[in-house]
Amino acid sequence: MIIKSIFLKISIHPLFYFFLLLSALTGSFRKMILFTSLILVHELGHFLTAYFFKWGVVEIRLYPYGGCSHFQVDLNRSSLEEFFVLIMGPILQIIFTYFLTFYLRDRDILFLISSSKLLLLFNLLPIYPLDGGKLLFLVFSFLFSYYSALKYTFYSSFFFYFVLLFFFLFVYNSVLWLFLFFTLFFRVWEEERKGNYLYEKFLLERYLNQYTFHKKKVVVSPFDMKKGYFHFFSLRGRLLSEDQYLKMYFSKSVI
């Protein structure tokens, strides 16, 4: 039942079909299938953990550089849950790679291990929405406000993206890598454009839902609100609770 649900959620980026065709024409189709299996198992790790935490899965999208899972879940969810969902992708991929080595030919084993390492390293790059970028966002969310965490994550993502792009252009000078980074750029740009929407959704969830947070913090602006904290707002000599302030905020009473 779960496996069927996973396959119903899978969608494929058009460029992924191009790489499948290219691999078939160049005699590398078997390698492409092995690489795709690593991607699927990696995303399965995310999916099963999200399913355990009762997250809704919107889509699992396959790209030439890997996969990306989209979940329907509150932004104010536990950071610990997010962490477990993130790390279970690489963990299940490592376990799958280990067991698959018992059933493959030697040349396929070498390709599988090198591809698995490459996929792990690539996914751990601090570029959102890769796993490394999401881990970076969790760290920033712990250190800074939610708004600042979003901003710093996207700044860092673009910085590391262009550093790596120039590195691969000058060191490898490969058309294949250029295609991969071209696709990744639009994913980063697409996520960055959602920044304001995510921030407003973060606030709206706090306004509509009754979350229980044990840590408390006094702030002067919603831009200062941190994940996992209940806030009090210092406003013109008054101290308002988060509920009071957000009610005014969404009724446009706060300027």
C-alpha atoms as a PDB file:
ATOM      1  CA  MET A   1       0.000   0.000   0.000  1.00  0.00           C
ATOM      2  CA  ILE A   2       2.804   2.417   0.921  1.00  0.00           C
ATOM      3  CA  ILE A   3       4.875   1.419  -2.135  1.00  0.00           C
ATOM      4  CA  LYS A   4       1.871   2.021  -4.394  1.00  0.00           C
ATOM      5  CA  SER A   5       1.366   5.429  -2.801  1.00  0.00           C
ATOM      6  CA  ILE A   6       5.025   6.290  -3.487  1.00  0.00           C
ATOM      7  CA  PHE A   7       4.824   5.452  -7.198  1.00  0.00           C
ATOM      8  CA  LEU A   8       1.621   7.468  -7.552  1.00  0.00           C
ATOM      9  CA  LYS A   9       3.481  10.489  -6.154  1.00  0.00           C
ATOM     10  CA  ILE A  10       6.468  10.242  -8.504  1.00  0.00           C
ATOM     11  CA  SER A  11       6.845  12.794 -11.281  1.00  0.00           C
ATOM     12  CA  ILE A  12       9.771  13.138 -13.681  1.00  0.00           C
ATOM     13  CA  HIS A  13      11.475  16.298 -14.888  1.00  0.00           C
ATOM     14  CA  PRO A  14      11.660  16.445 -18.737  1.00  0.00           C
ATOM     15  CA  LEU A  15      15.462  16.673 -18.631  1.00  0.00           C
ATOM     16  CA  PHE A  16      15.526  13.335 -16.806  1.00  0.00           C
ATOM     17  CA  TYR A  17      14.004  11.691 -19.909  1.00  0.00           C
ATOM     18  CA  PHE A  18      16.758  13.278 -21.974  1.00  0.00           C
ATOM     19  CA  PHE A  19      19.407  11.625 -19.800  1.00  0.00           C
ATOM     20  CA  LEU A  20      17.597   8.288 -20.028  1.00  0.00           C
ATOM     21  CA  LEU A  21      17.621   8.543 -23.828  1.00  0.00           C
ATOM     22  CA  LEU A  22      21.259   9.619 -23.835  1.00  0.00           C
ATOM     23  CA  SER A  23      22.237   6.674 -21.639  1.00  0.00           C
ATOM     24  CA  ALA A  24      20.410   4.254 -23.965  1.00  0.00           C
ATOM     25  CA  LEU A  25      22.165   5.675 -27.053  1.00  0.00           C
ATOM     26  CA  THR A  26      25.595   5.515 -25.416  1.00  0.00           C
ATOM     27  CA  GLY A  27      25.213   2.016 -23.956  1.00  0.00           C
ATOM     28  CA  SER A  28      24.984   3.266 -20.366  1.00  0.00           C
ATOM     29  CA  PHE A  29      21.332   2.446 -19.764  1.00  0.00           C
ATOM     30  CA  ARG A  30      22.162  -0.185 -17.124  1.00  0.00           C
ATOM     31  CA  LYS A  31      24.215   2.390 -15.218  1.00  0.00           C
ATOM     32  CA  MET A  32      21.397   4.925 -15.485  1.00  0.00           C
ATOM     33  CA  ILE A  33      18.970   2.380 -14.013  1.00  0.00           C
ATOM     34  CA  LEU A  34      21.338   1.733 -11.100  1.00  0.00           C
ATOM     35  CA  PHE A  35      21.717   5.455 -10.490  1.00  0.00           C
ATOM     36  CA  THR A  36      17.951   5.962 -10.670  1.00  0.00           C
ATOM     37  CA  SER A  37      17.433   3.163  -8.132  1.00  0.00           C
ATOM     38  CA  LEU A  38      19.744   5.033  -5.727  1.00  0.00           C
ATOM     39  CA  ILE A  39      17.683   8.190  -6.166  1.00  0.00           C
ATOM     40  CA  LEU A  40      14.406   6.344  -5.581  1.00  0.00           C
ATOM     41  CA  VAL A  41      15.677   4.579  -2.459  1.00  0.00           C
ATOM     42  CA  HIS A  42      17.059   7.862  -1.139  1.00  0.00           C
ATOM     43  CA  GLU A  43      13.649   9.506  -1.565  1.00  0.00           C
ATOM     44  CA  LEU A  44      12.001   6.403  -0.093  1.00  0.00           C
ATOM     45  CA  GLY A  45      13.955   7.074   3.109  1.00  0.00           C
ATOM     46  CA  HIS A  46      12.495  10.572   3.262  1.00  0.00           C
ATOM     47  CA  PHE A  47       9.023   9.312   2.372  1.00  0.00           C
ATOM     48  CA  LEU A  48       8.813   6.524   4.955  1.00  0.00           C
ATOM     49  CA  THR A  49      10.049   8.776   7.762  1.00  0.00           C
ATOM     50  CA  ALA A  50       7.601  11.508   6.735  1.00  0.00           C
ATOM     51  CA  TYR A  51       4.836   8.879   6.630  1.00  0.00           C
ATOM     52  CA  PHE A  52       5.781   7.800  10.161  1.00  0.00           C
ATOM     53  CA  PHE A  53       5.409  11.403  11.353  1.00  0.00           C
ATOM     54  CA  LYS A  54       2.090  11.672   9.460  1.00  0.00           C
ATOM     55  CA  TRP A  55       3.311  14.255   6.972  1.00  0.00           C
ATOM     56  CA  GLY A  56       1.460  14.603   3.691  1.00  0.00           C
ATOM     57  CA  VAL A  57       3.556  13.870   0.597  1.00  0.00           C
ATOM     58  CA  VAL A  58       2.643  16.047  -2.382  1.00  0.00           C
ATOM     59  CA  GLU A  59       5.207  14.867  -4.905  1.00  0.00           C
ATOM     60  CA  ILE A  60       8.489  13.044  -5.380  1.00  0.00           C
ATOM     61  CA  ARG A  61      10.157  14.648  -8.391  1.00  0.00           C
ATOM     62  CA  LEU A  62      13.100  13.068 -10.183  1.00  0.00           C
ATOM     63  CA  TYR A  63      15.810  15.329 -11.603  1.00  0.00           C
ATOM     64  CA  PRO A  64      19.039  14.352 -13.407  1.00  0.00           C
ATOM     65  CA  TYR A  65      21.014  15.284 -10.284  1.00  0.00           C
ATOM     66  CA  GLY A  66      18.731  13.474  -7.816  1.00  0.00           C
ATOM     67  CA  GLY A  67      15.246  13.620  -6.353  1.00  0.00           C
ATOM     68  CA  CYS A  68      13.242  16.148  -4.384  1.00  0.00           C
ATOM     69  CA  SER A  69      10.308  15.351  -2.092  1.00  0.00           C
ATOM     70  CA  HIS A  70       7.602  17.937  -1.484  1.00  0.00           C
ATOM     71  CA  PHE A  71       5.598  17.608   1.714  1.00  0.00           C
ATOM     72  CA  GLN A  72       2.321  19.108   2.880  1.00  0.00           C
ATOM     73  CA  VAL A  73       3.058  19.842   6.520  1.00  0.00           C
ATOM     74  CA  ASP A  74       3.162  22.780   8.902  1.00  0.00           C
ATOM     75  CA  LEU A  75       6.245  24.977   8.772  1.00  0.00           C
ATOM     76  CA  ASN A  76       6.033  25.120  12.574  1.00  0.00           C
ATOM     77  CA  ARG A  77       6.543  21.389  12.873  1.00  0.00           C
ATOM     78  CA  SER A  78       9.239  19.988  15.133  1.00  0.00           C
ATOM     79  CA  SER A  79      12.791  20.626  13.895  1.00  0.00           C
ATOM     80  CA  LEU A  80      13.689  17.194  15.239  1.00  0.00           C
ATOM     81  CA  GLU A  81      11.146  15.613  12.899  1.00  0.00           C
ATOM     82  CA  GLU A  82      12.628  17.558   9.994  1.00  0.00           C
ATOM     83  CA  PHE A  83      16.103  16.361  10.918  1.00  0.00           C
ATOM     84  CA  PHE A  84      15.051  12.696  10.983  1.00  0.00           C
ATOM     85  CA  VAL A  85      13.218  13.011   7.658  1.00  0.00           C
ATOM     86  CA  LEU A  86      16.351  14.532   6.112  1.00  0.00           C
ATOM     87  CA  ILE A  87      18.923  12.049   7.392  1.00  0.00           C
ATOM     88  CA  MET A  88      16.891   8.920   6.641  1.00  0.00           C
ATOM     89  CA  GLY A  89      17.282   9.523   2.901  1.00  0.00           C
ATOM     90  CA  PRO A  90      21.105   9.156   2.967  1.00  0.00           C
ATOM     91  CA  ILE A  91      20.932   6.392   5.601  1.00  0.00           C
ATOM     92  CA  LEU A  92      18.569   4.185   3.553  1.00  0.00           C
ATOM     93  CA  GLN A  93      20.650   4.862   0.438  1.00  0.00           C
ATOM     94  CA  ILE A  94      23.817   3.646   2.209  1.00  0.00           C
ATOM     95  CA  ILE A  95      22.056   0.508   3.478  1.00  0.00           C
ATOM     96  CA  PHE A  96      20.627  -0.216   0.008  1.00  0.00           C
ATOM     97  CA  THR A  97      24.054   0.251  -1.623  1.00  0.00           C
ATOM     98  CA  TYR A  98      25.655  -2.155   0.851  1.00  0.00           C
ATOM     99  CA  PHE A  99      23.131  -4.956   0.313  1.00  0.00           C
ATOM    100  CA  LEU A 100      23.025  -4.505  -3.464  1.00  0.00           C
ATOM    101  CA  THR A 101      26.776  -5.151  -3.717  1.00  0.00           C
ATOM    102  CA  PHE A 102      26.089  -8.827  -2.891  1.00  0.00           C
ATOM    103  CA  TYR A 103      24.025  -9.275  -6.073  1.00  0.00           C
ATOM    104  CA  LEU A 104      25.902  -7.290  -8.734  1.00  0.00           C
ATOM    105  CA  ARG A 105      28.844  -7.938 -11.007  1.00  0.00           C
ATOM    106  CA  ASP A 106      32.184  -6.431  -9.993  1.00  0.00           C
ATOM    107  CA  ARG A 107      32.112  -3.648 -12.591  1.00  0.00           C
ATOM    108  CA  ASP A 108      28.562  -2.745 -11.576  1.00  0.00           C
ATOM    109  CA  ILE A 109      29.584  -2.718  -7.901  1.00  0.00           C
ATOM    110  CA  LEU A 110      32.332  -0.186  -8.594  1.00  0.00           C
ATOM    111  CA  PHE A 111      29.898   2.035 -10.474  1.00  0.00           C
ATOM    112  CA  LEU A 112      27.231   1.651  -7.779  1.00  0.00           C
ATOM    113  CA  ILE A 113      29.587   2.599  -4.937  1.00  0.00           C
ATOM    114  CA  SER A 114      31.092   5.582  -6.771  1.00  0.00           C
ATOM    115  CA  SER A 115      27.621   6.790  -7.836  1.00  0.00           C
ATOM    116  CA  SER A 116      26.285   6.401  -4.312  1.00  0.00           C
ATOM    117  CA  LYS A 117      29.176   8.451  -2.918  1.00  0.00           C
ATOM    118  CA  LEU A 118      28.671  11.110  -5.588  1.00  0.00           C
ATOM    119  CA  LEU A 119      24.931  11.307  -4.902  1.00  0.00           C
ATOM    120  CA  LEU A 120      25.524  11.580  -1.151  1.00  0.00           C
ATOM    121  CA  LEU A 121      28.135  14.307  -1.545  1.00  0.00           C
ATOM    122  CA  PHE A 122      26.009  16.232  -4.036  1.00  0.00           C
ATOM    123  CA  ASN A 123      22.895  16.030  -1.853  1.00  0.00           C
ATOM    124  CA  LEU A 124      24.845  17.266   1.156  1.00  0.00           C
ATOM    125  CA  LEU A 125      25.964  20.438  -0.621  1.00  0.00           C
ATOM    126  CA  PRO A 126      24.681  23.498   1.301  1.00  0.00           C
ATOM    127  CA  ILE A 127      22.372  24.476  -1.544  1.00  0.00           C
ATOM    128  CA  TYR A 128      18.609  24.603  -0.977  1.00  0.00           C
ATOM    129  CA  PRO A 129      16.549  22.483  -1.756  1.00  0.00           C
ATOM    130  CA  LEU A 130      19.215  19.760  -1.559  1.00  0.00           C
ATOM    131  CA  ASP A 131      19.424  17.900   1.754  1.00  0.00           C
ATOM    132  CA  GLY A 132      22.510  19.891   2.730  1.00  0.00           C
ATOM    133  CA  GLY A 133      20.656  23.157   2.107  1.00  0.00           C
ATOM    134  CA  LYS A 134      17.745  21.990   4.239  1.00  0.00           C
ATOM    135  CA  LEU A 135      20.131  21.012   7.035  1.00  0.00           C
ATOM    136  CA  LEU A 136      21.714  24.454   6.732  1.00  0.00           C
ATOM    137  CA  PHE A 137      18.256  26.007   7.100  1.00  0.00           C
ATOM    138  CA  LEU A 138      17.649  23.966  10.272  1.00  0.00           C
ATOM    139  CA  VAL A 139      20.912  25.297  11.715  1.00  0.00           C
ATOM    140  CA  PHE A 140      20.025  28.872  10.769  1.00  0.00           C
ATOM    141  CA  SER A 141      16.526  28.403  12.245  1.00  0.00           C
ATOM    142  CA  PHE A 142      18.125  27.381  15.538  1.00  0.00           C
ATOM    143  CA  LEU A 143      20.428  30.420  15.535  1.00  0.00           C
ATOM    144  CA  PHE A 144      18.266  33.134  13.969  1.00  0.00           C
ATOM    145  CA  SER A 145      14.670  34.179  13.381  1.00  0.00           C
ATOM    146  CA  TYR A 146      12.629  32.284  10.804  1.00  0.00           C
ATOM    147  CA  TYR A 147      12.752  35.202   8.355  1.00  0.00           C
ATOM    148  CA  SER A 148      16.523  35.588   8.730  1.00  0.00           C
ATOM    149  CA  ALA A 149      17.026  31.820   8.426  1.00  0.00           C
ATOM    150  CA  LEU A 150      15.225  31.863   5.071  1.00  0.00           C
ATOM    151  CA  LYS A 151      17.239  34.852   3.858  1.00  0.00           C
ATOM    152  CA  TYR A 152      20.615  33.444   4.951  1.00  0.00           C
ATOM    153  CA  THR A 153      19.804  30.025   3.481  1.00  0.00           C
ATOM    154  CA  PHE A 154      19.067  31.457   0.043  1.00  0.00           C
ATOM    155  CA  TYR A 155      22.083  33.780   0.129  1.00  0.00           C
ATOM    156  CA  SER A 156      24.300  30.839   1.049  1.00  0.00           C
ATOM    157  CA  SER A 157      22.694  28.611  -1.590  1.00  0.00           C
ATOM    158  CA  PHE A 158      23.405  31.036  -4.430  1.00  0.00           C
ATOM    159  CA  PHE A 159      26.930  31.659  -3.172  1.00  0.00           C
ATOM    160  CA  PHE A 160      27.842  27.967  -3.014  1.00  0.00           C
ATOM    161  CA  TYR A 161      26.033  27.310  -6.285  1.00  0.00           C
ATOM    162  CA  PHE A 162      28.140  29.801  -8.252  1.00  0.00           C
ATOM    163  CA  VAL A 163      31.362  28.727  -6.519  1.00  0.00           C
ATOM    164  CA  LEU A 164      30.705  25.116  -7.564  1.00  0.00           C
ATOM    165  CA  LEU A 165      29.554  26.145 -11.042  1.00  0.00           C
ATOM    166  CA  PHE A 166      32.809  27.983 -11.764  1.00  0.00           C
ATOM    167  CA  PHE A 167      34.792  25.104 -10.288  1.00  0.00           C
ATOM    168  CA  PHE A 168      33.199  22.503 -12.551  1.00  0.00           C
ATOM    169  CA  LEU A 169      33.323  24.771 -15.614  1.00  0.00           C
ATOM    170  CA  PHE A 170      37.058  25.357 -15.279  1.00  0.00           C
ATOM    171  CA  VAL A 171      38.115  21.986 -13.863  1.00  0.00           C
ATOM    172  CA  TYR A 172      35.844  19.499 -15.657  1.00  0.00           C
ATOM    173  CA  ASN A 173      34.574  21.645 -18.544  1.00  0.00           C
ATOM    174  CA  SER A 174      31.796  19.107 -19.127  1.00  0.00           C
ATOM    175  CA  VAL A 175      28.540  19.695 -21.017  1.00  0.00           C
ATOM    176  CA  LEU A 176      26.894  17.098 -18.761  1.00  0.00           C
ATOM    177  CA  TRP A 177      27.760  19.031 -15.599  1.00  0.00           C
ATOM    178  CA  LEU A 178      26.611  22.253 -17.269  1.00  0.00           C
ATOM    179  CA  PHE A 179      23.189  20.684 -17.917  1.00  0.00           C
ATOM    180  CA  LEU A 180      22.969  19.490 -14.315  1.00  0.00           C
ATOM    181  CA  PHE A 181      23.879  22.859 -12.831  1.00  0.00           C
ATOM    182  CA  PHE A 182      21.548  24.638 -15.252  1.00  0.00           C
ATOM    183  CA  THR A 183      18.654  22.512 -13.925  1.00  0.00           C
ATOM    184  CA  LEU A 184      19.712  23.017 -10.320  1.00  0.00           C
ATOM    185  CA  PHE A 185      19.881  26.804 -10.742  1.00  0.00           C
ATOM    186  CA  PHE A 186      16.198  27.002 -11.620  1.00  0.00           C
ATOM    187  CA  ARG A 187      15.340  24.834  -8.618  1.00  0.00           C
ATOM    188  CA  VAL A 188      17.228  27.201  -6.293  1.00  0.00           C
ATOM    189  CA  TRP A 189      15.689  30.242  -7.966  1.00  0.00           C
ATOM    190  CA  GLU A 190      12.205  28.694  -7.757  1.00  0.00           C
ATOM    191  CA  GLU A 191      12.616  28.057  -4.017  1.00  0.00           C
ATOM    192  CA  GLU A 192      13.998  31.561  -3.402  1.00  0.00           C
ATOM    193  CA  ARG A 193      10.912  33.077  -5.029  1.00  0.00           C
ATOM    194  CA  LYS A 194       8.779  31.244  -2.434  1.00  0.00           C
ATOM    195  CA  GLY A 195      10.600  32.982   0.438  1.00  0.00           C
ATOM    196  CA  ASN A 196       7.954  35.625   1.193  1.00  0.00           C
ATOM    197  CA  TYR A 197       5.170  33.061   0.838  1.00  0.00           C
ATOM    198  CA  LEU A 198       6.903  30.737   3.327  1.00  0.00           C
ATOM    199  CA  TYR A 199       7.375  33.574   5.804  1.00  0.00           C
ATOM    200  CA  GLU A 200       3.698  34.589   5.602  1.00  0.00           C
ATOM    201  CA  LYS A 201       2.631  30.952   5.892  1.00  0.00           C
ATOM    202  CA  PHE A 202       4.811  30.603   8.987  1.00  0.00           C
ATOM    203  CA  LEU A 203       2.989  33.559  10.583  1.00  0.00           C
ATOM    204  CA  LEU A 204      -0.468  32.446   9.439  1.00  0.00           C
ATOM    205  CA  GLU A 205       0.004  28.990  10.942  1.00  0.00           C
ATOM    206  CA  ARG A 206       0.866  30.608  14.271  1.00  0.00           C
ATOM    207  CA  TYR A 207      -2.281  32.738  14.007  1.00  0.00           C
ATOM    208  CA  LEU A 208      -4.661  29.908  13.071  1.00  0.00           C
ATOM    209  CA  ASN A 209      -3.290  27.068  15.206  1.00  0.00           C
ATOM    210  CA  GLN A 210      -2.682  26.616  18.908  1.00  0.00           C
ATOM    211  CA  TYR A 211       0.911  25.465  19.208  1.00  0.00           C
ATOM    212  CA  THR A 212       2.513  24.730  22.565  1.00  0.00           C
ATOM    213  CA  PHE A 213       6.035  26.095  22.931  1.00  0.00           C
ATOM    214  CA  HIS A 214       7.904  26.032  26.214  1.00  0.00           C
ATOM    215  CA  LYS A 215      10.522  28.598  25.234  1.00  0.00           C
ATOM    216  CA  LYS A 216       9.512  32.270  25.287  1.00  0.00           C
ATOM    217  CA  LYS A 217      11.027  35.349  23.729  1.00  0.00           C
ATOM    218  CA  VAL A 218      10.304  39.095  23.688  1.00  0.00           C
ATOM    219  CA  VAL A 219      10.552  40.642  20.214  1.00  0.00           C
ATOM    220  CA  VAL A 220       9.673  43.929  18.549  1.00  0.00           C
ATOM    221  CA  SER A 221       8.789  42.666  15.055  1.00  0.00           C
ATOM    222  CA  PRO A 222       7.390  39.506  13.402  1.00  0.00           C
ATOM    223  CA  PHE A 223      10.683  39.377  11.500  1.00  0.00           C
ATOM    224  CA  ASP A 224      12.264  38.449  14.850  1.00  0.00           C
ATOM    225  CA  MET A 225      10.033  35.428  15.479  1.00  0.00           C
ATOM    226  CA  LYS A 226      11.919  32.161  15.931  1.00  0.00           C
ATOM    227  CA  LYS A 227      10.754  28.656  15.282  1.00  0.00           C
ATOM    228  CA  GLY A 228       9.898  26.761  18.482  1.00  0.00           C
ATOM    229  CA  TYR A 229       9.322  29.908  20.570  1.00  0.00           C
ATOM    230  CA  PHE A 230       6.222  31.633  21.912  1.00  0.00           C
ATOM    231  CA  HIS A 231       6.663  35.382  21.564  1.00  0.00           C
ATOM    232  CA  PHE A 232       5.684  38.540  23.373  1.00  0.00           C
ATOM    233  CA  PHE A 233       5.752  41.771  21.388  1.00  0.00           C
ATOM    234  CA  SER A 234       6.967  45.073  22.770  1.00  0.00           C
ATOM    235  CA  LEU A 235       4.746  47.577  20.978  1.00  0.00           C
ATOM    236  CA  ARG A 236       4.565  51.277  21.889  1.00  0.00           C
ATOM    237  CA  GLY A 237       5.110  50.687  25.592  1.00  0.00           C
ATOM    238  CA  ARG A 238       2.800  47.656  25.727  1.00  0.00           C
ATOM    239  CA  LEU A 239       3.630  43.980  25.912  1.00  0.00           C
ATOM    240  CA  LEU A 240       1.339  41.918  23.684  1.00  0.00           C
ATOM    241  CA  SER A 241       1.154  38.147  23.474  1.00  0.00           C
ATOM    242  CA  GLU A 242       1.838  36.500  20.144  1.00  0.00           C
ATOM    243  CA  ASP A 243      -1.860  35.721  19.692  1.00  0.00           C
ATOM    244  CA  GLN A 244      -2.842  39.344  20.261  1.00  0.00           C
ATOM    245  CA  TYR A 245      -0.181  40.694  17.958  1.00  0.00           C
ATOM    246  CA  LEU A 246      -0.891  38.309  15.077  1.00  0.00           C
ATOM    247  CA  LYS A 247      -4.605  39.049  15.320  1.00  0.00           C
ATOM    248  CA  MET A 248      -3.777  42.718  14.840  1.00  0.00           C
ATOM    249  CA  TYR A 249      -1.224  41.878  12.146  1.00  0.00           C
ATOM    250  CA  PHE A 250      -3.656  39.945   9.962  1.00  0.00           C
ATOM    251  CA  SER A 251      -6.426  42.455  10.529  1.00  0.00           C
ATOM    252  CA  LYS A 252      -3.947  45.128   9.343  1.00  0.00           C
ATOM    253  CA  SER A 253      -4.123  46.948  12.666  1.00  0.00           C
ATOM    254  CA  VAL A 254      -0.334  46.801  13.051  1.00  0.00           C
ATOM    255  CA  ILE A 255       1.732  48.989  10.787  1.00  0.00           C
END
